[in-house]
């Protein structure tokens, strides 16, 4: 009986892990790679179109579905993507214009409880497209040396190189697109 109970807990844990990380957990690149960078930029480039197509296929009730128990709704995920990727753009700009800036973290969960996360998603979709356009324009003009620049994150006490940040946000696109698909 104990074995069956442990098996059920293990299955529930695996299911919850899949719901939290439907494309797997993020894996930090170990070194700069031009081909990986091109792949990451391709994901960032296609994401606004994919997101808009996905949202366009949803009825208003589906925007209120959560991707997992106690998870965010599709609406909250879309607003989160907007906020998160806006922070990414600013962090890139700080890193390119300052020496080793210390960024200011923000409380994602607290943002998700603010009034604007209940509003229609269209303004965030427009902002995501604009932020990605600006971010990709910067990326397309960066030198390999600039990809080695970065920032210090005071909560994780870690220094992030911009090529790592590009990989993180490409993963972030895939991660949250998969969450929104789970809301369907």
N, C-alpha and C. Protein backbone atom coordinates (compact mmCIF):
# COMPACT_ATOMS: atom_id res chain seq x y z
N UNK A 1 0.82 -1.20 0.00
CA UNK A 1 0.00 0.00 0.00
C UNK A 1 0.86 1.26 0.00
N UNK A 2 1.93 1.26 0.78
CA UNK A 2 2.83 2.41 0.86
C UNK A 2 3.45 2.68 -0.51
N UNK A 3 3.80 1.61 -1.25
CA UNK A 3 4.38 1.77 -2.58
C UNK A 3 3.42 2.45 -3.53
N UNK A 4 2.15 2.07 -3.49
CA UNK A 4 1.13 2.68 -4.34
C UNK A 4 0.96 4.15 -4.00
N UNK A 5 0.96 4.47 -2.71
CA UNK A 5 0.84 5.85 -2.26
C UNK A 5 2.01 6.68 -2.78
N UNK A 6 3.24 6.15 -2.67
CA UNK A 6 4.43 6.85 -3.15
C UNK A 6 4.38 7.03 -4.66
N UNK A 7 3.86 6.02 -5.38
CA UNK A 7 3.74 6.12 -6.83
C UNK A 7 2.77 7.23 -7.21
N UNK A 8 1.65 7.35 -6.48
CA UNK A 8 0.67 8.40 -6.76
C UNK A 8 1.27 9.78 -6.51
N UNK A 9 2.03 9.92 -5.44
CA UNK A 9 2.69 11.20 -5.14
C UNK A 9 3.70 11.53 -6.23
N UNK A 10 4.48 10.54 -6.67
CA UNK A 10 5.46 10.75 -7.72
C UNK A 10 4.78 11.17 -9.02
N UNK A 11 3.67 10.53 -9.37
CA UNK A 11 2.93 10.89 -10.58
C UNK A 11 2.38 12.31 -10.48
N UNK A 12 1.83 12.67 -9.34
CA UNK A 12 1.31 14.03 -9.15
C UNK A 12 2.44 15.05 -9.24
N UNK A 13 3.59 14.71 -8.68
CA UNK A 13 4.75 15.61 -8.74
C UNK A 13 5.18 15.81 -10.19
N UNK A 14 5.23 14.72 -10.98
CA UNK A 14 5.61 14.82 -12.39
C UNK A 14 4.61 15.66 -13.18
N UNK A 15 3.33 15.46 -12.92
CA UNK A 15 2.29 16.21 -13.61
C UNK A 15 2.43 17.70 -13.27
N UNK A 16 2.61 18.01 -11.99
CA UNK A 16 2.74 19.41 -11.59
C UNK A 16 4.01 20.02 -12.20
N UNK A 17 5.09 19.27 -12.25
CA UNK A 17 6.33 19.75 -12.86
C UNK A 17 6.09 20.07 -14.34
N UNK A 18 5.36 19.18 -15.03
CA UNK A 18 5.06 19.42 -16.44
C UNK A 18 4.19 20.67 -16.61
N UNK A 19 3.22 20.86 -15.74
CA UNK A 19 2.36 22.04 -15.84
C UNK A 19 3.14 23.32 -15.56
N UNK A 20 4.07 23.27 -14.61
CA UNK A 20 4.89 24.44 -14.30
C UNK A 20 5.90 24.73 -15.40
N UNK A 21 6.50 23.66 -15.93
CA UNK A 21 7.59 23.80 -16.91
C UNK A 21 7.31 22.92 -18.13
N UNK A 22 6.30 23.27 -18.93
CA UNK A 22 5.89 22.41 -20.04
C UNK A 22 6.95 22.23 -21.12
N UNK A 23 7.92 23.12 -21.22
CA UNK A 23 9.01 22.94 -22.19
C UNK A 23 10.31 22.58 -21.47
N UNK A 24 10.21 22.22 -20.20
CA UNK A 24 11.39 21.91 -19.39
C UNK A 24 11.92 23.15 -18.71
N UNK A 25 12.79 22.93 -17.75
CA UNK A 25 13.41 24.05 -17.04
C UNK A 25 14.47 24.68 -17.93
N UNK A 26 14.76 25.94 -17.65
CA UNK A 26 15.77 26.67 -18.42
C UNK A 26 17.16 26.10 -18.14
N UNK A 27 17.93 25.97 -19.19
CA UNK A 27 19.32 25.53 -19.08
C UNK A 27 20.21 26.65 -19.61
N UNK A 28 21.04 27.19 -18.73
CA UNK A 28 21.91 28.32 -19.07
C UNK A 28 22.99 27.87 -20.06
N UNK A 29 23.20 28.63 -21.14
CA UNK A 29 24.30 28.26 -22.06
C UNK A 29 25.64 28.40 -21.35
N UNK A 30 26.55 27.51 -21.68
CA UNK A 30 27.85 27.52 -21.01
C UNK A 30 28.83 28.49 -21.65
N UNK A 31 28.58 28.86 -22.90
CA UNK A 31 29.48 29.78 -23.60
C UNK A 31 28.71 30.46 -24.72
N UNK A 32 29.30 31.52 -25.25
CA UNK A 32 28.71 32.22 -26.38
C UNK A 32 28.74 31.31 -27.60
N UNK A 33 27.62 31.26 -28.31
CA UNK A 33 27.51 30.49 -29.55
C UNK A 33 26.69 31.31 -30.54
N UNK A 34 27.30 31.65 -31.68
CA UNK A 34 26.60 32.45 -32.69
C UNK A 34 25.38 31.69 -33.22
N UNK A 35 25.49 30.38 -33.39
CA UNK A 35 24.35 29.63 -33.93
C UNK A 35 23.21 29.55 -32.91
N UNK A 36 23.53 29.35 -31.63
CA UNK A 36 22.49 29.35 -30.60
C UNK A 36 21.84 30.73 -30.50
N UNK A 37 22.64 31.76 -30.64
CA UNK A 37 22.12 33.12 -30.59
C UNK A 37 21.14 33.36 -31.75
N UNK A 38 21.49 32.89 -32.95
CA UNK A 38 20.58 33.03 -34.10
C UNK A 38 19.26 32.30 -33.82
N UNK A 39 19.36 31.09 -33.25
CA UNK A 39 18.15 30.33 -32.91
C UNK A 39 17.30 31.08 -31.89
N UNK A 40 17.94 31.63 -30.87
CA UNK A 40 17.22 32.38 -29.83
C UNK A 40 16.55 33.63 -30.42
N UNK A 41 17.25 34.32 -31.29
CA UNK A 41 16.68 35.51 -31.92
C UNK A 41 15.51 35.14 -32.83
N UNK A 42 15.58 33.99 -33.46
CA UNK A 42 14.48 33.53 -34.30
C UNK A 42 13.22 33.29 -33.46
N UNK A 43 13.41 32.69 -32.30
CA UNK A 43 12.28 32.47 -31.38
C UNK A 43 11.69 33.81 -30.94
N UNK A 44 12.55 34.75 -30.57
CA UNK A 44 12.09 36.08 -30.15
C UNK A 44 11.36 36.79 -31.29
N UNK A 45 11.82 36.57 -32.52
CA UNK A 45 11.22 37.23 -33.68
C UNK A 45 9.82 36.67 -33.97
N UNK A 46 9.65 35.38 -33.85
CA UNK A 46 8.37 34.75 -34.22
C UNK A 46 7.34 34.79 -33.09
N UNK A 47 7.77 35.02 -31.87
CA UNK A 47 6.89 34.93 -30.72
C UNK A 47 5.67 35.85 -30.78
N UNK A 48 5.80 37.14 -31.13
CA UNK A 48 4.60 37.99 -31.15
C UNK A 48 3.52 37.46 -32.11
N UNK A 49 3.93 36.97 -33.28
CA UNK A 49 2.96 36.40 -34.22
C UNK A 49 2.31 35.15 -33.65
N UNK A 50 3.12 34.28 -33.06
CA UNK A 50 2.58 33.05 -32.47
C UNK A 50 1.61 33.37 -31.33
N UNK A 51 1.97 34.33 -30.50
CA UNK A 51 1.12 34.70 -29.39
C UNK A 51 -0.20 35.29 -29.88
N UNK A 52 -0.13 36.19 -30.84
CA UNK A 52 -1.35 36.79 -31.37
C UNK A 52 -2.26 35.75 -32.02
N UNK A 53 -1.67 34.79 -32.75
CA UNK A 53 -2.48 33.72 -33.37
C UNK A 53 -3.13 32.86 -32.30
N UNK A 54 -2.38 32.55 -31.27
CA UNK A 54 -2.91 31.73 -30.18
C UNK A 54 -4.05 32.45 -29.47
N UNK A 55 -3.83 33.71 -29.13
CA UNK A 55 -4.87 34.50 -28.45
C UNK A 55 -6.08 34.67 -29.36
N UNK A 56 -5.85 34.84 -30.66
CA UNK A 56 -6.95 34.98 -31.60
C UNK A 56 -7.82 33.74 -31.71
N UNK A 57 -7.27 32.59 -31.33
CA UNK A 57 -8.04 31.34 -31.38
C UNK A 57 -8.81 31.08 -30.08
N UNK A 58 -8.62 31.95 -29.10
CA UNK A 58 -9.25 31.75 -27.80
C UNK A 58 -10.54 32.53 -27.68
N UNK A 59 -11.51 31.94 -26.98
CA UNK A 59 -12.70 32.72 -26.66
C UNK A 59 -12.43 33.44 -25.33
N UNK A 60 -13.22 34.47 -25.03
CA UNK A 60 -12.95 35.26 -23.82
C UNK A 60 -12.88 34.43 -22.53
N UNK A 61 -13.66 33.36 -22.44
CA UNK A 61 -13.63 32.53 -21.23
C UNK A 61 -12.28 31.82 -21.09
N UNK A 62 -11.67 31.44 -22.20
CA UNK A 62 -10.39 30.74 -22.14
C UNK A 62 -9.27 31.63 -21.60
N UNK A 63 -9.40 32.93 -21.78
CA UNK A 63 -8.40 33.85 -21.22
C UNK A 63 -8.41 33.81 -19.70
N UNK A 64 -9.51 33.34 -19.11
CA UNK A 64 -9.63 33.27 -17.65
C UNK A 64 -9.23 31.90 -17.10
N UNK A 65 -8.87 30.96 -18.00
CA UNK A 65 -8.41 29.65 -17.55
C UNK A 65 -6.98 29.74 -17.03
N UNK A 66 -6.70 29.01 -15.96
CA UNK A 66 -5.34 28.91 -15.44
C UNK A 66 -4.68 27.67 -16.04
N UNK A 67 -3.37 27.74 -16.24
CA UNK A 67 -2.66 26.62 -16.85
C UNK A 67 -2.36 25.49 -15.86
N UNK A 68 -2.53 25.77 -14.58
CA UNK A 68 -2.36 24.75 -13.54
C UNK A 68 -3.09 25.23 -12.29
N UNK A 69 -3.36 24.31 -11.36
CA UNK A 69 -3.97 24.75 -10.09
C UNK A 69 -3.09 25.81 -9.43
N UNK A 70 -3.70 26.88 -9.00
CA UNK A 70 -3.02 28.02 -8.36
C UNK A 70 -2.05 28.74 -9.29
N UNK A 71 -2.20 28.51 -10.59
CA UNK A 71 -1.37 29.20 -11.57
C UNK A 71 -2.08 30.42 -12.11
N UNK A 72 -1.37 31.19 -12.93
CA UNK A 72 -1.95 32.37 -13.53
C UNK A 72 -2.92 31.99 -14.64
N UNK A 73 -3.84 32.91 -14.93
CA UNK A 73 -4.72 32.74 -16.08
C UNK A 73 -3.95 33.10 -17.35
N UNK A 74 -4.51 32.73 -18.49
CA UNK A 74 -3.89 33.11 -19.77
C UNK A 74 -3.75 34.62 -19.84
N UNK A 75 -4.76 35.35 -19.39
CA UNK A 75 -4.71 36.82 -19.40
C UNK A 75 -3.51 37.32 -18.58
N UNK A 76 -3.33 36.77 -17.38
CA UNK A 76 -2.21 37.19 -16.54
C UNK A 76 -0.87 36.83 -17.17
N UNK A 77 -0.79 35.68 -17.80
CA UNK A 77 0.46 35.27 -18.46
C UNK A 77 0.81 36.27 -19.56
N UNK A 78 -0.17 36.67 -20.35
CA UNK A 78 0.09 37.62 -21.45
C UNK A 78 0.58 38.96 -20.89
N UNK A 79 -0.06 39.45 -19.85
CA UNK A 79 0.40 40.72 -19.25
C UNK A 79 1.79 40.54 -18.62
N UNK A 80 2.04 39.37 -18.05
CA UNK A 80 3.36 39.08 -17.47
C UNK A 80 4.45 39.10 -18.56
N UNK A 81 4.16 38.48 -19.70
CA UNK A 81 5.13 38.48 -20.80
C UNK A 81 5.48 39.92 -21.17
N UNK A 82 4.47 40.76 -21.27
CA UNK A 82 4.69 42.16 -21.61
C UNK A 82 5.63 42.83 -20.59
N UNK A 83 5.31 42.66 -19.32
CA UNK A 83 6.14 43.28 -18.27
C UNK A 83 7.55 42.70 -18.26
N UNK A 84 7.65 41.40 -18.30
CA UNK A 84 8.95 40.73 -18.22
C UNK A 84 9.85 41.12 -19.39
N UNK A 85 9.30 41.12 -20.60
CA UNK A 85 10.12 41.41 -21.77
C UNK A 85 10.45 42.90 -21.86
N UNK A 86 9.61 43.74 -21.28
CA UNK A 86 9.95 45.16 -21.18
C UNK A 86 11.14 45.33 -20.25
N UNK A 87 11.14 44.60 -19.14
CA UNK A 87 12.30 44.63 -18.24
C UNK A 87 13.55 44.13 -18.97
N UNK A 88 13.40 43.10 -19.79
CA UNK A 88 14.55 42.57 -20.54
C UNK A 88 15.15 43.64 -21.45
N UNK A 89 14.29 44.36 -22.16
CA UNK A 89 14.77 45.43 -23.05
C UNK A 89 15.56 46.46 -22.25
N UNK A 90 15.03 46.90 -21.13
CA UNK A 90 15.71 47.90 -20.30
C UNK A 90 17.03 47.34 -19.77
N UNK A 91 17.04 46.09 -19.37
CA UNK A 91 18.27 45.47 -18.85
C UNK A 91 19.33 45.38 -19.95
N UNK A 92 18.92 45.09 -21.17
CA UNK A 92 19.87 45.10 -22.30
C UNK A 92 20.44 46.50 -22.47
N UNK A 93 19.57 47.50 -22.44
CA UNK A 93 20.04 48.87 -22.66
C UNK A 93 20.98 49.32 -21.55
N UNK A 94 20.64 48.97 -20.30
CA UNK A 94 21.55 49.29 -19.20
C UNK A 94 22.91 48.63 -19.42
N UNK A 95 22.88 47.36 -19.79
CA UNK A 95 24.12 46.61 -19.95
C UNK A 95 24.98 47.13 -21.09
N UNK A 96 24.34 47.66 -22.11
CA UNK A 96 25.08 48.20 -23.25
C UNK A 96 25.57 49.62 -23.02
N UNK A 97 24.98 50.30 -22.05
CA UNK A 97 25.33 51.71 -21.83
C UNK A 97 26.02 51.98 -20.49
N UNK A 98 26.07 50.98 -19.63
CA UNK A 98 26.71 51.13 -18.32
C UNK A 98 27.64 49.94 -18.09
N UNK A 99 28.59 50.11 -17.19
CA UNK A 99 29.49 49.01 -16.85
C UNK A 99 28.90 48.20 -15.70
N UNK A 100 28.56 46.96 -15.98
CA UNK A 100 28.08 46.01 -14.96
C UNK A 100 26.98 46.59 -14.06
N UNK A 101 25.88 47.06 -14.64
CA UNK A 101 24.82 47.64 -13.80
C UNK A 101 24.20 46.60 -12.86
N UNK A 102 23.74 47.07 -11.75
CA UNK A 102 22.96 46.23 -10.83
C UNK A 102 21.51 46.52 -11.14
N UNK A 103 20.79 45.49 -11.56
CA UNK A 103 19.39 45.70 -11.95
C UNK A 103 18.50 45.71 -10.72
N UNK A 104 17.31 46.23 -10.89
CA UNK A 104 16.31 46.19 -9.84
C UNK A 104 15.34 45.06 -10.17
N UNK A 105 15.31 44.03 -9.33
CA UNK A 105 14.32 42.96 -9.55
C UNK A 105 12.91 43.49 -9.29
N UNK A 106 11.93 42.75 -9.75
CA UNK A 106 10.54 43.12 -9.47
C UNK A 106 9.79 41.87 -9.03
N UNK A 107 8.70 42.07 -8.34
CA UNK A 107 7.91 40.96 -7.79
C UNK A 107 6.82 40.57 -8.77
N UNK A 108 7.10 39.54 -9.57
CA UNK A 108 6.18 39.11 -10.61
C UNK A 108 4.79 38.80 -10.05
N UNK A 109 4.75 38.08 -8.95
CA UNK A 109 3.46 37.71 -8.35
C UNK A 109 2.66 38.92 -7.91
N UNK A 110 3.35 39.93 -7.38
CA UNK A 110 2.65 41.16 -6.98
C UNK A 110 2.18 41.94 -8.20
N UNK A 111 2.98 41.94 -9.28
CA UNK A 111 2.54 42.59 -10.52
C UNK A 111 1.24 41.93 -11.00
N UNK A 112 1.17 40.60 -10.91
CA UNK A 112 0.01 39.86 -11.44
C UNK A 112 -1.28 40.18 -10.69
N UNK A 113 -1.15 40.78 -9.51
CA UNK A 113 -2.34 41.16 -8.74
C UNK A 113 -2.74 42.62 -8.95
N UNK A 114 -1.98 43.34 -9.77
CA UNK A 114 -2.31 44.74 -10.03
C UNK A 114 -3.49 44.85 -11.01
N UNK A 115 -4.12 46.00 -11.01
CA UNK A 115 -5.35 46.22 -11.79
C UNK A 115 -5.17 45.96 -13.28
N UNK A 116 -4.01 46.32 -13.83
CA UNK A 116 -3.84 46.19 -15.28
C UNK A 116 -3.82 44.75 -15.77
N UNK A 117 -3.64 43.79 -14.85
CA UNK A 117 -3.64 42.38 -15.27
C UNK A 117 -5.06 41.87 -15.52
N UNK A 118 -6.07 42.67 -15.20
CA UNK A 118 -7.46 42.31 -15.47
C UNK A 118 -7.97 42.97 -16.75
N UNK A 119 -7.19 43.85 -17.33
CA UNK A 119 -7.64 44.58 -18.52
C UNK A 119 -7.55 43.69 -19.76
N UNK A 120 -8.13 44.13 -20.87
CA UNK A 120 -7.99 43.37 -22.12
C UNK A 120 -6.51 43.17 -22.46
N UNK A 121 -6.20 42.11 -23.20
CA UNK A 121 -4.81 41.76 -23.51
C UNK A 121 -4.24 42.54 -24.69
N UNK A 122 -5.09 43.17 -25.48
CA UNK A 122 -4.61 43.82 -26.70
C UNK A 122 -3.50 44.84 -26.47
N UNK A 123 -3.58 45.72 -25.46
CA UNK A 123 -2.46 46.65 -25.25
C UNK A 123 -1.14 45.91 -24.97
N UNK A 124 -1.20 44.83 -24.23
CA UNK A 124 0.03 44.07 -23.96
C UNK A 124 0.55 43.39 -25.22
N UNK A 125 -0.35 42.91 -26.08
CA UNK A 125 0.09 42.29 -27.34
C UNK A 125 0.81 43.32 -28.21
N UNK A 126 0.29 44.54 -28.25
CA UNK A 126 0.94 45.61 -29.03
C UNK A 126 2.31 45.91 -28.43
N UNK A 127 2.38 46.00 -27.11
CA UNK A 127 3.65 46.30 -26.45
C UNK A 127 4.67 45.17 -26.65
N UNK A 128 4.22 43.93 -26.56
CA UNK A 128 5.14 42.80 -26.77
C UNK A 128 5.76 42.89 -28.16
N UNK A 129 4.93 43.16 -29.17
CA UNK A 129 5.45 43.28 -30.54
C UNK A 129 6.48 44.41 -30.62
N UNK A 130 6.17 45.56 -30.04
CA UNK A 130 7.08 46.71 -30.09
C UNK A 130 8.37 46.43 -29.32
N UNK A 131 8.25 45.85 -28.15
CA UNK A 131 9.44 45.53 -27.34
C UNK A 131 10.34 44.54 -28.08
N UNK A 132 9.74 43.53 -28.68
CA UNK A 132 10.54 42.55 -29.42
C UNK A 132 11.22 43.20 -30.62
N UNK A 133 10.51 44.10 -31.29
CA UNK A 133 11.12 44.78 -32.44
C UNK A 133 12.33 45.60 -32.00
N UNK A 134 12.20 46.34 -30.91
CA UNK A 134 13.33 47.14 -30.41
C UNK A 134 14.47 46.24 -29.92
N UNK A 135 14.12 45.21 -29.18
CA UNK A 135 15.13 44.30 -28.64
C UNK A 135 15.90 43.62 -29.77
N UNK A 136 15.18 43.14 -30.76
CA UNK A 136 15.84 42.46 -31.89
C UNK A 136 16.69 43.44 -32.70
N UNK A 137 16.26 44.67 -32.84
CA UNK A 137 17.06 45.66 -33.55
C UNK A 137 18.40 45.85 -32.82
N UNK A 138 18.34 45.98 -31.51
CA UNK A 138 19.57 46.07 -30.73
C UNK A 138 20.45 44.84 -30.95
N UNK A 139 19.84 43.67 -30.80
CA UNK A 139 20.58 42.41 -30.92
C UNK A 139 21.27 42.27 -32.28
N UNK A 140 20.54 42.65 -33.32
CA UNK A 140 21.09 42.51 -34.68
C UNK A 140 22.31 43.39 -34.91
N UNK A 141 22.48 44.41 -34.11
CA UNK A 141 23.60 45.34 -34.29
C UNK A 141 24.72 45.14 -33.27
N UNK A 142 24.53 44.20 -32.35
CA UNK A 142 25.52 44.00 -31.30
C UNK A 142 26.74 43.23 -31.82
N UNK A 143 27.90 43.57 -31.27
CA UNK A 143 29.14 42.85 -31.57
C UNK A 143 29.27 41.67 -30.61
N UNK A 144 30.16 40.75 -30.93
CA UNK A 144 30.38 39.62 -30.04
C UNK A 144 30.86 40.11 -28.67
N UNK A 145 31.67 41.15 -28.67
CA UNK A 145 32.13 41.72 -27.40
C UNK A 145 30.96 42.24 -26.57
N UNK A 146 30.00 42.89 -27.23
CA UNK A 146 28.84 43.41 -26.51
C UNK A 146 27.97 42.28 -25.93
N UNK A 147 27.93 41.14 -26.61
CA UNK A 147 27.17 40.01 -26.08
C UNK A 147 27.76 39.51 -24.76
N UNK A 148 29.04 39.82 -24.52
CA UNK A 148 29.69 39.44 -23.27
C UNK A 148 29.44 40.42 -22.13
N UNK A 149 28.84 41.56 -22.45
CA UNK A 149 28.48 42.53 -21.40
C UNK A 149 27.30 41.95 -20.63
N UNK A 150 26.98 42.57 -19.51
CA UNK A 150 25.85 42.04 -18.75
C UNK A 150 25.53 42.87 -17.54
N UNK A 151 24.77 42.25 -16.65
CA UNK A 151 24.32 42.92 -15.44
C UNK A 151 24.40 41.97 -14.26
N UNK A 152 24.33 42.57 -13.08
CA UNK A 152 24.31 41.80 -11.84
C UNK A 152 22.88 41.76 -11.31
N UNK A 153 22.41 40.57 -10.98
CA UNK A 153 21.07 40.40 -10.41
C UNK A 153 21.24 40.23 -8.90
N UNK A 154 20.79 41.20 -8.09
CA UNK A 154 21.06 41.14 -6.65
C UNK A 154 20.33 40.02 -5.91
N UNK A 155 19.18 39.55 -6.40
CA UNK A 155 18.49 38.47 -5.70
C UNK A 155 19.19 37.13 -5.91
N UNK A 156 19.58 36.86 -7.15
CA UNK A 156 20.27 35.58 -7.42
C UNK A 156 21.77 35.69 -7.13
N UNK A 157 22.23 36.92 -6.90
CA UNK A 157 23.65 37.18 -6.65
C UNK A 157 24.50 36.61 -7.79
N UNK A 158 24.01 36.82 -9.00
CA UNK A 158 24.65 36.25 -10.18
C UNK A 158 24.81 37.32 -11.25
N UNK A 159 25.88 37.19 -12.01
CA UNK A 159 26.10 38.06 -13.15
C UNK A 159 25.57 37.36 -14.39
N UNK A 160 24.77 38.06 -15.19
CA UNK A 160 24.22 37.51 -16.42
C UNK A 160 24.86 38.20 -17.61
N UNK A 161 25.37 37.42 -18.54
CA UNK A 161 25.88 37.92 -19.82
C UNK A 161 24.69 38.06 -20.76
N UNK A 162 24.76 38.99 -21.68
CA UNK A 162 23.62 39.24 -22.56
C UNK A 162 23.29 38.05 -23.44
N UNK A 163 24.28 37.25 -23.84
CA UNK A 163 23.95 36.05 -24.62
C UNK A 163 23.16 35.06 -23.76
N UNK A 164 23.40 35.05 -22.45
CA UNK A 164 22.62 34.21 -21.54
C UNK A 164 21.19 34.74 -21.41
N UNK A 165 21.08 36.06 -21.35
CA UNK A 165 19.76 36.69 -21.22
C UNK A 165 18.93 36.42 -22.48
N UNK A 166 19.57 36.47 -23.65
CA UNK A 166 18.86 36.16 -24.90
C UNK A 166 18.33 34.73 -24.85
N UNK A 167 19.14 33.80 -24.37
CA UNK A 167 18.70 32.40 -24.25
C UNK A 167 17.56 32.27 -23.25
N UNK A 168 17.67 32.99 -22.14
CA UNK A 168 16.62 32.95 -21.11
C UNK A 168 15.29 33.44 -21.67
N UNK A 169 15.31 34.55 -22.41
CA UNK A 169 14.05 35.09 -22.91
C UNK A 169 13.50 34.30 -24.09
N UNK A 170 14.34 33.64 -24.85
CA UNK A 170 13.83 32.72 -25.88
C UNK A 170 13.12 31.56 -25.19
N UNK A 171 13.73 31.03 -24.15
CA UNK A 171 13.07 29.98 -23.36
C UNK A 171 11.77 30.53 -22.76
N UNK A 172 11.80 31.74 -22.24
CA UNK A 172 10.64 32.36 -21.62
C UNK A 172 9.47 32.43 -22.61
N UNK A 173 9.77 32.74 -23.87
CA UNK A 173 8.74 32.76 -24.92
C UNK A 173 8.10 31.38 -25.06
N UNK A 174 8.94 30.37 -25.24
CA UNK A 174 8.44 29.00 -25.42
C UNK A 174 7.67 28.53 -24.19
N UNK A 175 8.19 28.84 -23.01
CA UNK A 175 7.62 28.46 -21.72
C UNK A 175 6.20 28.99 -21.57
N UNK A 176 6.02 30.28 -21.83
CA UNK A 176 4.70 30.88 -21.62
C UNK A 176 3.74 30.64 -22.79
N UNK A 177 4.24 30.46 -24.00
CA UNK A 177 3.35 30.04 -25.08
C UNK A 177 2.76 28.68 -24.75
N UNK A 178 3.58 27.79 -24.20
CA UNK A 178 3.08 26.46 -23.80
C UNK A 178 2.07 26.58 -22.66
N UNK A 179 2.30 27.50 -21.72
CA UNK A 179 1.32 27.72 -20.65
C UNK A 179 -0.03 28.16 -21.22
N UNK A 180 0.01 29.08 -22.17
CA UNK A 180 -1.24 29.58 -22.75
C UNK A 180 -1.95 28.46 -23.50
N UNK A 181 -1.20 27.60 -24.18
CA UNK A 181 -1.81 26.44 -24.87
C UNK A 181 -2.49 25.53 -23.86
N UNK A 182 -1.91 25.39 -22.68
CA UNK A 182 -2.54 24.56 -21.64
C UNK A 182 -3.88 25.16 -21.20
N UNK A 183 -4.04 26.46 -21.33
CA UNK A 183 -5.30 27.12 -20.94
C UNK A 183 -6.44 26.81 -21.90
N UNK A 184 -6.11 26.31 -23.07
CA UNK A 184 -7.13 25.94 -24.05
C UNK A 184 -7.83 24.67 -23.61
